[in-house]
Amino acid sequence: MALNYFKSENAIKIHDKIIQISGGKEGVKDFGNIESPLAHIQNDDYYPTFEEKITHLIFSFNKFHAFNDGNKRTSIAMGAFFLEINGLDVFINKFIIEMENIAVTVADNIVDKELLFEIISSLINEEDYNESLKLKILNALQQVNTESEQINMGIAFYKDLY
């Protein structure tokens, strides 16, 4: 199946619409961070499967801040648009709902690219996350809670000193 791709102009229009709808600072921060992932996903040597392509697209726009604001929101919209132009409209609602929860964890380095790939593959290919994936997500989220607890304990210890 030949895939459909989109250009940087489309990415900028998507971002501008996101900012118009939900607010934020307009503008491109780094045009190369728009062009690069859009070019890389077209290379089957780098990303041979649709799931790998969409994962790279979302991860790149989420993490590398091509825009002044709205990068997480834009990454979700780019993924939804990529699904749509490739005839996978049936997954868009589920994708958007799940990615709204996942995008922040990607930005905060809780969910890495490998786990993001597993999540996206599951969204496209399975009815629900399998048990193994659920455990991976839970473990990633528990690490955040552990770090927060450690920080809170450190703050409490510091306050006790004074």
N, C-alpha and C. Protein backbone atom coordinates (compact mmCIF):
# COMPACT_ATOMS: atom_id res chain seq x y z
N MET A 1 0.84 -1.18 0.00
CA MET A 1 0.00 0.00 0.00
C MET A 1 0.88 1.24 0.00
N ALA A 2 0.69 2.09 -0.97
CA ALA A 2 1.43 3.35 -1.04
C ALA A 2 0.83 4.32 -0.04
N LEU A 3 1.67 4.92 0.77
CA LEU A 3 1.20 5.85 1.79
C LEU A 3 1.15 7.27 1.26
N ASN A 4 0.28 8.04 1.83
CA ASN A 4 0.19 9.46 1.53
C ASN A 4 0.93 10.24 2.61
N TYR A 5 1.64 11.27 2.20
CA TYR A 5 2.41 12.11 3.12
C TYR A 5 1.94 13.54 2.96
N PHE A 6 2.43 14.40 3.81
CA PHE A 6 2.06 15.81 3.68
C PHE A 6 3.30 16.68 3.81
N LYS A 7 3.15 17.93 3.43
CA LYS A 7 4.27 18.86 3.36
C LYS A 7 4.30 19.77 4.60
N SER A 8 5.38 20.49 4.73
CA SER A 8 5.56 21.40 5.86
C SER A 8 4.45 22.46 5.90
N GLU A 9 3.96 22.88 4.72
CA GLU A 9 2.89 23.86 4.69
C GLU A 9 1.64 23.33 5.40
N ASN A 10 1.35 22.04 5.19
CA ASN A 10 0.22 21.41 5.87
C ASN A 10 0.45 21.38 7.38
N ALA A 11 1.67 21.05 7.78
CA ALA A 11 2.00 20.98 9.21
C ALA A 11 1.82 22.35 9.86
N ILE A 12 2.25 23.38 9.18
CA ILE A 12 2.11 24.74 9.73
C ILE A 12 0.64 25.13 9.82
N LYS A 13 -0.15 24.79 8.81
CA LYS A 13 -1.59 25.08 8.85
C LYS A 13 -2.26 24.34 10.01
N ILE A 14 -1.89 23.09 10.20
CA ILE A 14 -2.44 22.31 11.33
C ILE A 14 -2.09 23.00 12.63
N HIS A 15 -0.84 23.37 12.80
CA HIS A 15 -0.41 24.05 14.03
C HIS A 15 -1.16 25.36 14.23
N ASP A 16 -1.26 26.16 13.18
CA ASP A 16 -1.95 27.45 13.28
C ASP A 16 -3.40 27.27 13.71
N LYS A 17 -4.06 26.24 13.18
CA LYS A 17 -5.44 25.96 13.54
C LYS A 17 -5.54 25.54 15.02
N ILE A 18 -4.60 24.73 15.48
CA ILE A 18 -4.56 24.31 16.88
C ILE A 18 -4.44 25.53 17.79
N ILE A 19 -3.54 26.43 17.45
CA ILE A 19 -3.33 27.66 18.25
C ILE A 19 -4.57 28.53 18.20
N GLN A 20 -5.17 28.66 17.03
CA GLN A 20 -6.39 29.46 16.89
C GLN A 20 -7.51 28.90 17.77
N ILE A 21 -7.66 27.60 17.80
CA ILE A 21 -8.73 26.96 18.56
C ILE A 21 -8.47 26.97 20.07
N SER A 22 -7.24 26.62 20.46
CA SER A 22 -6.99 26.39 21.89
C SER A 22 -6.03 27.39 22.53
N GLY A 23 -5.51 28.33 21.76
CA GLY A 23 -4.67 29.37 22.32
C GLY A 23 -3.20 29.00 22.36
N GLY A 24 -2.39 30.02 22.55
CA GLY A 24 -0.95 29.82 22.62
C GLY A 24 -0.22 30.79 21.72
N LYS A 25 1.08 30.71 21.79
CA LYS A 25 1.94 31.59 21.02
C LYS A 25 2.10 31.05 19.60
N GLU A 26 1.84 31.89 18.62
CA GLU A 26 1.95 31.50 17.22
C GLU A 26 3.41 31.45 16.78
N GLY A 27 3.64 30.81 15.66
CA GLY A 27 4.93 30.90 14.99
C GLY A 27 5.78 29.65 15.01
N VAL A 28 6.64 29.60 14.01
CA VAL A 28 7.61 28.51 13.85
C VAL A 28 8.87 28.86 14.62
N LYS A 29 9.34 27.95 15.40
CA LYS A 29 10.57 28.13 16.16
C LYS A 29 11.78 27.60 15.38
N ASP A 30 11.60 26.44 14.73
CA ASP A 30 12.70 25.81 13.99
C ASP A 30 12.13 25.05 12.79
N PHE A 31 12.24 25.66 11.62
CA PHE A 31 11.67 25.08 10.41
C PHE A 31 12.27 23.71 10.10
N GLY A 32 13.53 23.51 10.44
CA GLY A 32 14.18 22.22 10.22
C GLY A 32 13.52 21.10 10.99
N ASN A 33 12.95 21.42 12.14
CA ASN A 33 12.26 20.42 12.95
C ASN A 33 10.85 20.13 12.44
N ILE A 34 10.45 20.85 11.41
CA ILE A 34 9.22 20.51 10.68
C ILE A 34 9.60 19.65 9.48
N GLU A 35 10.55 20.13 8.71
CA GLU A 35 10.97 19.45 7.48
C GLU A 35 11.56 18.06 7.74
N SER A 36 12.41 17.95 8.74
CA SER A 36 13.14 16.71 8.98
C SER A 36 12.25 15.50 9.24
N PRO A 37 11.34 15.55 10.21
CA PRO A 37 10.52 14.36 10.43
C PRO A 37 9.60 14.05 9.25
N LEU A 38 9.13 15.09 8.57
CA LEU A 38 8.27 14.85 7.42
C LEU A 38 9.03 14.15 6.30
N ALA A 39 10.31 14.46 6.15
CA ALA A 39 11.15 13.77 5.15
C ALA A 39 11.53 12.37 5.62
N HIS A 40 11.91 12.24 6.89
CA HIS A 40 12.36 10.94 7.39
C HIS A 40 11.28 9.86 7.33
N ILE A 41 10.03 10.23 7.61
CA ILE A 41 8.99 9.20 7.61
C ILE A 41 8.73 8.65 6.20
N GLN A 42 9.20 9.35 5.18
CA GLN A 42 9.03 8.87 3.81
C GLN A 42 10.10 7.86 3.42
N ASN A 43 11.11 7.69 4.26
CA ASN A 43 12.21 6.77 3.97
C ASN A 43 11.92 5.42 4.63
N ASP A 44 11.60 4.45 3.81
CA ASP A 44 11.27 3.12 4.33
C ASP A 44 12.46 2.41 4.97
N ASP A 45 13.68 2.84 4.66
CA ASP A 45 14.85 2.26 5.32
C ASP A 45 14.89 2.65 6.79
N TYR A 46 14.47 3.88 7.09
CA TYR A 46 14.42 4.35 8.47
C TYR A 46 13.17 3.83 9.19
N TYR A 47 12.05 3.98 8.53
CA TYR A 47 10.75 3.67 9.14
C TYR A 47 9.92 2.85 8.16
N PRO A 48 10.10 1.52 8.18
CA PRO A 48 9.45 0.68 7.18
C PRO A 48 7.94 0.49 7.35
N THR A 49 7.43 0.61 8.57
CA THR A 49 6.00 0.36 8.79
C THR A 49 5.25 1.67 9.06
N PHE A 50 3.95 1.63 8.84
CA PHE A 50 3.12 2.80 9.12
C PHE A 50 3.24 3.18 10.60
N GLU A 51 3.23 2.19 11.48
CA GLU A 51 3.31 2.45 12.92
C GLU A 51 4.63 3.13 13.29
N GLU A 52 5.71 2.75 12.65
CA GLU A 52 7.00 3.40 12.91
C GLU A 52 7.01 4.83 12.39
N LYS A 53 6.40 5.03 11.26
CA LYS A 53 6.33 6.37 10.66
C LYS A 53 5.53 7.33 11.54
N ILE A 54 4.34 6.90 11.96
CA ILE A 54 3.49 7.78 12.76
C ILE A 54 4.11 8.01 14.14
N THR A 55 4.77 7.00 14.67
CA THR A 55 5.46 7.17 15.96
C THR A 55 6.54 8.23 15.84
N HIS A 56 7.35 8.16 14.79
CA HIS A 56 8.42 9.15 14.61
C HIS A 56 7.83 10.54 14.42
N LEU A 57 6.77 10.63 13.65
CA LEU A 57 6.11 11.91 13.41
C LEU A 57 5.65 12.54 14.73
N ILE A 58 4.94 11.78 15.52
CA ILE A 58 4.41 12.28 16.80
C ILE A 58 5.53 12.60 17.77
N PHE A 59 6.47 11.69 17.91
CA PHE A 59 7.59 11.89 18.84
C PHE A 59 8.38 13.14 18.47
N SER A 60 8.67 13.31 17.20
CA SER A 60 9.48 14.45 16.75
C SER A 60 8.79 15.78 17.00
N PHE A 61 7.51 15.86 16.65
CA PHE A 61 6.81 17.13 16.86
C PHE A 61 6.56 17.39 18.34
N ASN A 62 6.43 16.35 19.12
CA ASN A 62 6.25 16.50 20.57
C ASN A 62 7.54 16.98 21.23
N LYS A 63 8.65 16.39 20.89
CA LYS A 63 9.90 16.58 21.64
C LYS A 63 10.81 17.69 21.11
N PHE A 64 10.79 17.95 19.81
CA PHE A 64 11.83 18.81 19.23
C PHE A 64 11.39 20.25 18.98
N HIS A 65 10.20 20.59 19.42
CA HIS A 65 9.72 21.98 19.47
C HIS A 65 9.95 22.77 18.19
N ALA A 66 9.29 22.32 17.15
CA ALA A 66 9.34 23.04 15.88
C ALA A 66 8.61 24.38 15.98
N PHE A 67 7.64 24.45 16.88
CA PHE A 67 6.80 25.65 17.01
C PHE A 67 7.05 26.34 18.34
N ASN A 68 6.67 27.59 18.42
CA ASN A 68 6.85 28.36 19.65
C ASN A 68 5.98 27.83 20.79
N ASP A 69 4.85 27.24 20.47
CA ASP A 69 3.91 26.75 21.47
C ASP A 69 3.03 25.68 20.83
N GLY A 70 2.40 24.87 21.64
CA GLY A 70 1.43 23.90 21.14
C GLY A 70 2.03 22.68 20.49
N ASN A 71 3.27 22.35 20.81
CA ASN A 71 3.93 21.22 20.16
C ASN A 71 3.27 19.88 20.49
N LYS A 72 2.86 19.68 21.74
CA LYS A 72 2.20 18.42 22.11
C LYS A 72 0.85 18.30 21.39
N ARG A 73 0.08 19.38 21.42
CA ARG A 73 -1.22 19.38 20.74
C ARG A 73 -1.04 19.16 19.24
N THR A 74 -0.05 19.81 18.68
CA THR A 74 0.21 19.69 17.25
C THR A 74 0.64 18.27 16.90
N SER A 75 1.44 17.64 17.75
CA SER A 75 1.88 16.27 17.47
C SER A 75 0.68 15.32 17.38
N ILE A 76 -0.31 15.52 18.24
CA ILE A 76 -1.52 14.70 18.20
C ILE A 76 -2.29 14.97 16.90
N ALA A 77 -2.44 16.23 16.55
CA ALA A 77 -3.16 16.59 15.33
C ALA A 77 -2.44 16.06 14.08
N MET A 78 -1.11 16.09 14.09
CA MET A 78 -0.34 15.57 12.95
C MET A 78 -0.59 14.07 12.81
N GLY A 79 -0.58 13.37 13.93
CA GLY A 79 -0.85 11.93 13.90
C GLY A 79 -2.24 11.64 13.37
N ALA A 80 -3.23 12.40 13.83
CA ALA A 80 -4.61 12.21 13.37
C ALA A 80 -4.71 12.50 11.87
N PHE A 81 -4.04 13.55 11.42
CA PHE A 81 -4.06 13.89 9.99
C PHE A 81 -3.40 12.79 9.16
N PHE A 82 -2.29 12.25 9.65
CA PHE A 82 -1.59 11.17 8.95
C PHE A 82 -2.50 9.94 8.85
N LEU A 83 -3.23 9.64 9.92
CA LEU A 83 -4.20 8.54 9.86
C LEU A 83 -5.26 8.83 8.80
N GLU A 84 -5.79 10.05 8.82
CA GLU A 84 -6.87 10.42 7.90
C GLU A 84 -6.46 10.32 6.45
N ILE A 85 -5.31 10.89 6.10
CA ILE A 85 -4.91 10.91 4.68
C ILE A 85 -4.51 9.52 4.18
N ASN A 86 -4.38 8.59 5.12
CA ASN A 86 -4.06 7.22 4.73
C ASN A 86 -5.24 6.27 4.92
N GLY A 87 -6.45 6.85 5.00
CA GLY A 87 -7.66 6.04 5.03
C GLY A 87 -7.91 5.30 6.33
N LEU A 88 -7.28 5.75 7.41
CA LEU A 88 -7.45 5.08 8.70
C LEU A 88 -8.31 5.93 9.65
N ASP A 89 -9.31 6.58 9.08
CA ASP A 89 -10.20 7.47 9.83
C ASP A 89 -10.84 6.78 11.03
N VAL A 90 -11.07 5.47 10.91
CA VAL A 90 -11.75 4.72 11.95
C VAL A 90 -11.00 4.78 13.29
N PHE A 91 -9.71 5.06 13.27
CA PHE A 91 -8.91 5.08 14.49
C PHE A 91 -8.74 6.48 15.09
N ILE A 92 -9.18 7.50 14.39
CA ILE A 92 -8.86 8.87 14.79
C ILE A 92 -9.39 9.24 16.18
N ASN A 93 -10.66 8.98 16.45
CA ASN A 93 -11.21 9.35 17.76
C ASN A 93 -10.48 8.66 18.90
N LYS A 94 -10.31 7.35 18.78
CA LYS A 94 -9.59 6.58 19.80
C LYS A 94 -8.15 7.11 19.94
N PHE A 95 -7.52 7.37 18.82
CA PHE A 95 -6.15 7.87 18.81
C PHE A 95 -6.05 9.20 19.56
N ILE A 96 -6.93 10.14 19.24
CA ILE A 96 -6.88 11.46 19.88
C ILE A 96 -7.11 11.35 21.38
N ILE A 97 -8.10 10.59 21.78
CA ILE A 97 -8.40 10.43 23.21
C ILE A 97 -7.20 9.85 23.96
N GLU A 98 -6.63 8.79 23.43
CA GLU A 98 -5.49 8.15 24.10
C GLU A 98 -4.24 9.03 24.07
N MET A 99 -4.00 9.68 22.94
CA MET A 99 -2.79 10.49 22.82
C MET A 99 -2.85 11.74 23.69
N GLU A 100 -4.04 12.23 24.00
CA GLU A 100 -4.15 13.36 24.93
C GLU A 100 -3.55 12.99 26.29
N ASN A 101 -3.69 11.73 26.67
CA ASN A 101 -3.11 11.26 27.94
C ASN A 101 -1.62 10.96 27.80
N ILE A 102 -1.21 10.54 26.64
CA ILE A 102 0.17 10.08 26.42
C ILE A 102 1.11 11.23 26.08
N ALA A 103 0.64 12.26 25.38
CA ALA A 103 1.53 13.32 24.88
C ALA A 103 2.34 13.99 25.98
N VAL A 104 1.73 14.25 27.11
CA VAL A 104 2.46 14.89 28.21
C VAL A 104 3.53 13.96 28.75
N THR A 105 3.23 12.67 28.82
CA THR A 105 4.23 11.72 29.34
C THR A 105 5.41 11.58 28.39
N VAL A 106 5.17 11.74 27.10
CA VAL A 106 6.27 11.73 26.13
C VAL A 106 7.13 12.98 26.34
N ALA A 107 6.49 14.12 26.44
CA ALA A 107 7.22 15.38 26.63
C ALA A 107 8.04 15.37 27.93
N ASP A 108 7.52 14.70 28.95
CA ASP A 108 8.20 14.65 30.25
C ASP A 108 9.17 13.48 30.39
N ASN A 109 9.47 12.80 29.29
CA ASN A 109 10.42 11.67 29.27
C ASN A 109 9.98 10.50 30.13
N ILE A 110 8.69 10.34 30.32
CA ILE A 110 8.14 9.20 31.04
C ILE A 110 7.90 8.05 30.08
N VAL A 111 7.36 8.39 28.92
CA VAL A 111 7.16 7.42 27.84
C VAL A 111 8.20 7.72 26.77
N ASP A 112 9.08 6.74 26.52
CA ASP A 112 10.11 6.91 25.50
C ASP A 112 9.55 6.51 24.13
N LYS A 113 10.37 6.66 23.11
CA LYS A 113 9.91 6.41 21.74
C LYS A 113 9.51 4.95 21.54
N GLU A 114 10.24 4.04 22.18
CA GLU A 114 9.93 2.62 22.04
C GLU A 114 8.56 2.29 22.63
N LEU A 115 8.27 2.82 23.81
CA LEU A 115 6.98 2.58 24.43
C LEU A 115 5.87 3.29 23.65
N LEU A 116 6.16 4.47 23.15
CA LEU A 116 5.19 5.18 22.31
C LEU A 116 4.84 4.34 21.09
N PHE A 117 5.83 3.72 20.48
CA PHE A 117 5.59 2.84 19.33
C PHE A 117 4.65 1.70 19.72
N GLU A 118 4.89 1.10 20.87
CA GLU A 118 4.02 -0.01 21.31
C GLU A 118 2.59 0.48 21.54
N ILE A 119 2.46 1.66 22.12
CA ILE A 119 1.13 2.22 22.39
C ILE A 119 0.40 2.50 21.07
N ILE A 120 1.08 3.15 20.14
CA ILE A 120 0.46 3.48 18.86
C ILE A 120 0.13 2.22 18.08
N SER A 121 1.02 1.25 18.07
CA SER A 121 0.75 -0.01 17.38
C SER A 121 -0.48 -0.69 17.95
N SER A 122 -0.61 -0.65 19.27
CA SER A 122 -1.78 -1.24 19.91
C SER A 122 -3.06 -0.49 19.54
N LEU A 123 -2.99 0.85 19.53
CA LEU A 123 -4.17 1.65 19.17
C LEU A 123 -4.68 1.30 17.78
N ILE A 124 -3.75 1.03 16.87
CA ILE A 124 -4.12 0.76 15.48
C ILE A 124 -4.49 -0.70 15.25
N ASN A 125 -3.85 -1.61 15.97
CA ASN A 125 -3.98 -3.03 15.66
C ASN A 125 -4.75 -3.87 16.67
N GLU A 126 -5.07 -3.33 17.83
CA GLU A 126 -5.74 -4.12 18.87
C GLU A 126 -6.97 -3.38 19.39
N GLU A 127 -7.89 -4.13 19.91
CA GLU A 127 -9.10 -3.55 20.49
C GLU A 127 -8.76 -2.75 21.75
N ASP A 128 -7.83 -3.30 22.55
CA ASP A 128 -7.42 -2.67 23.80
C ASP A 128 -5.94 -3.00 24.01
N TYR A 129 -5.30 -2.26 24.90
CA TYR A 129 -3.91 -2.57 25.23
C TYR A 129 -3.82 -3.98 25.81
N ASN A 130 -2.80 -4.73 25.40
CA ASN A 130 -2.61 -6.05 26.00
C ASN A 130 -2.03 -5.89 27.40
N GLU A 131 -2.06 -6.96 28.17
CA GLU A 131 -1.65 -6.90 29.59
C GLU A 131 -0.19 -6.47 29.75
N SER A 132 0.66 -6.95 28.87
CA SER A 132 2.08 -6.58 28.93
C SER A 132 2.27 -5.08 28.74
N LEU A 133 1.57 -4.52 27.78
CA LEU A 133 1.67 -3.08 27.51
C LEU A 133 1.08 -2.28 28.67
N LYS A 134 -0.02 -2.73 29.21
CA LYS A 134 -0.62 -2.06 30.37
C LYS A 134 0.38 -1.99 31.52
N LEU A 135 1.10 -3.09 31.74
CA LEU A 135 2.11 -3.10 32.81
C LEU A 135 3.25 -2.15 32.52
N LYS A 136 3.69 -2.08 31.27
CA LYS A 136 4.76 -1.15 30.90
C LYS A 136 4.34 0.30 31.15
N ILE A 137 3.11 0.62 30.77
CA ILE A 137 2.61 1.98 30.98
C ILE A 137 2.51 2.26 32.47
N LEU A 138 1.97 1.32 33.23
CA LEU A 138 1.84 1.48 34.68
C LEU A 138 3.21 1.67 35.33
N ASN A 139 4.19 0.87 34.93
CA ASN A 139 5.54 1.00 35.49
C ASN A 139 6.15 2.36 35.18
N ALA A 140 5.93 2.84 33.97
CA ALA A 140 6.45 4.16 33.59
C ALA A 140 5.82 5.25 34.46
N LEU A 141 4.51 5.15 34.66
CA LEU A 141 3.81 6.15 35.47
C LEU A 141 4.19 6.06 36.94
N GLN A 142 4.47 4.85 37.43
CA GLN A 142 4.87 4.68 38.83
C GLN A 142 6.23 5.30 39.09
N GLN A 143 7.10 5.31 38.10
CA GLN A 143 8.41 5.94 38.26
C GLN A 143 8.25 7.42 38.54
N VAL A 144 7.27 8.04 37.92
CA VAL A 144 7.00 9.45 38.15
C VAL A 144 6.56 9.66 39.59
N ASN A 145 5.64 8.80 40.06
CA ASN A 145 5.17 8.92 41.43
C ASN A 145 6.31 8.71 42.42
N THR A 146 7.20 7.76 42.14
CA THR A 146 8.34 7.52 43.02
C THR A 146 9.25 8.74 43.07
N GLU A 147 9.52 9.34 41.89
CA GLU A 147 10.37 10.53 41.85
C GLU A 147 9.71 11.68 42.61
N SER A 148 8.41 11.85 42.44
CA SER A 148 7.70 12.92 43.15
C SER A 148 7.75 12.69 44.66
N GLU A 149 7.57 11.44 45.07
CA GLU A 149 7.65 11.12 46.50
C GLU A 149 9.04 11.43 47.04
N GLN A 150 10.08 11.10 46.28
CA GLN A 150 11.44 11.36 46.72
C GLN A 150 11.68 12.87 46.84
N ILE A 151 11.18 13.63 45.90
CA ILE A 151 11.32 15.09 45.95
C ILE A 151 10.59 15.64 47.16
N ASN A 152 9.35 15.16 47.37
CA ASN A 152 8.58 15.62 48.53
C ASN A 152 9.27 15.27 49.84
N MET A 153 9.86 14.07 49.91
CA MET A 153 10.58 13.68 51.12
C MET A 153 11.79 14.58 51.32
N GLY A 154 12.47 14.92 50.23
CA GLY A 154 13.62 15.81 50.31
C GLY A 154 13.22 17.20 50.78
N ILE A 155 12.11 17.70 50.30
CA ILE A 155 11.61 19.01 50.73
C ILE A 155 11.24 18.97 52.20
N ALA A 156 10.56 17.89 52.62
CA ALA A 156 10.18 17.76 54.03
C ALA A 156 11.42 17.70 54.91
N PHE A 157 12.44 16.97 54.48
CA PHE A 157 13.69 16.86 55.24
C PHE A 157 14.35 18.23 55.37
N TYR A 158 14.37 18.97 54.26
CA TYR A 158 14.97 20.30 54.24
C TYR A 158 14.22 21.22 55.18
N LYS A 159 12.89 21.18 55.16
CA LYS A 159 12.08 22.04 56.04
C LYS A 159 12.32 21.69 57.50
N ASP A 160 12.55 20.41 57.79
CA ASP A 160 12.81 19.99 59.18
C ASP A 160 14.13 20.55 59.71
N LEU A 161 15.05 20.84 58.82
CA LEU A 161 16.36 21.37 59.23
C LEU A 161 16.24 22.80 59.73
N TYR A 162 15.21 23.51 59.29
CA TYR A 162 15.08 24.92 59.64
C TYR A 162 13.93 25.20 60.49
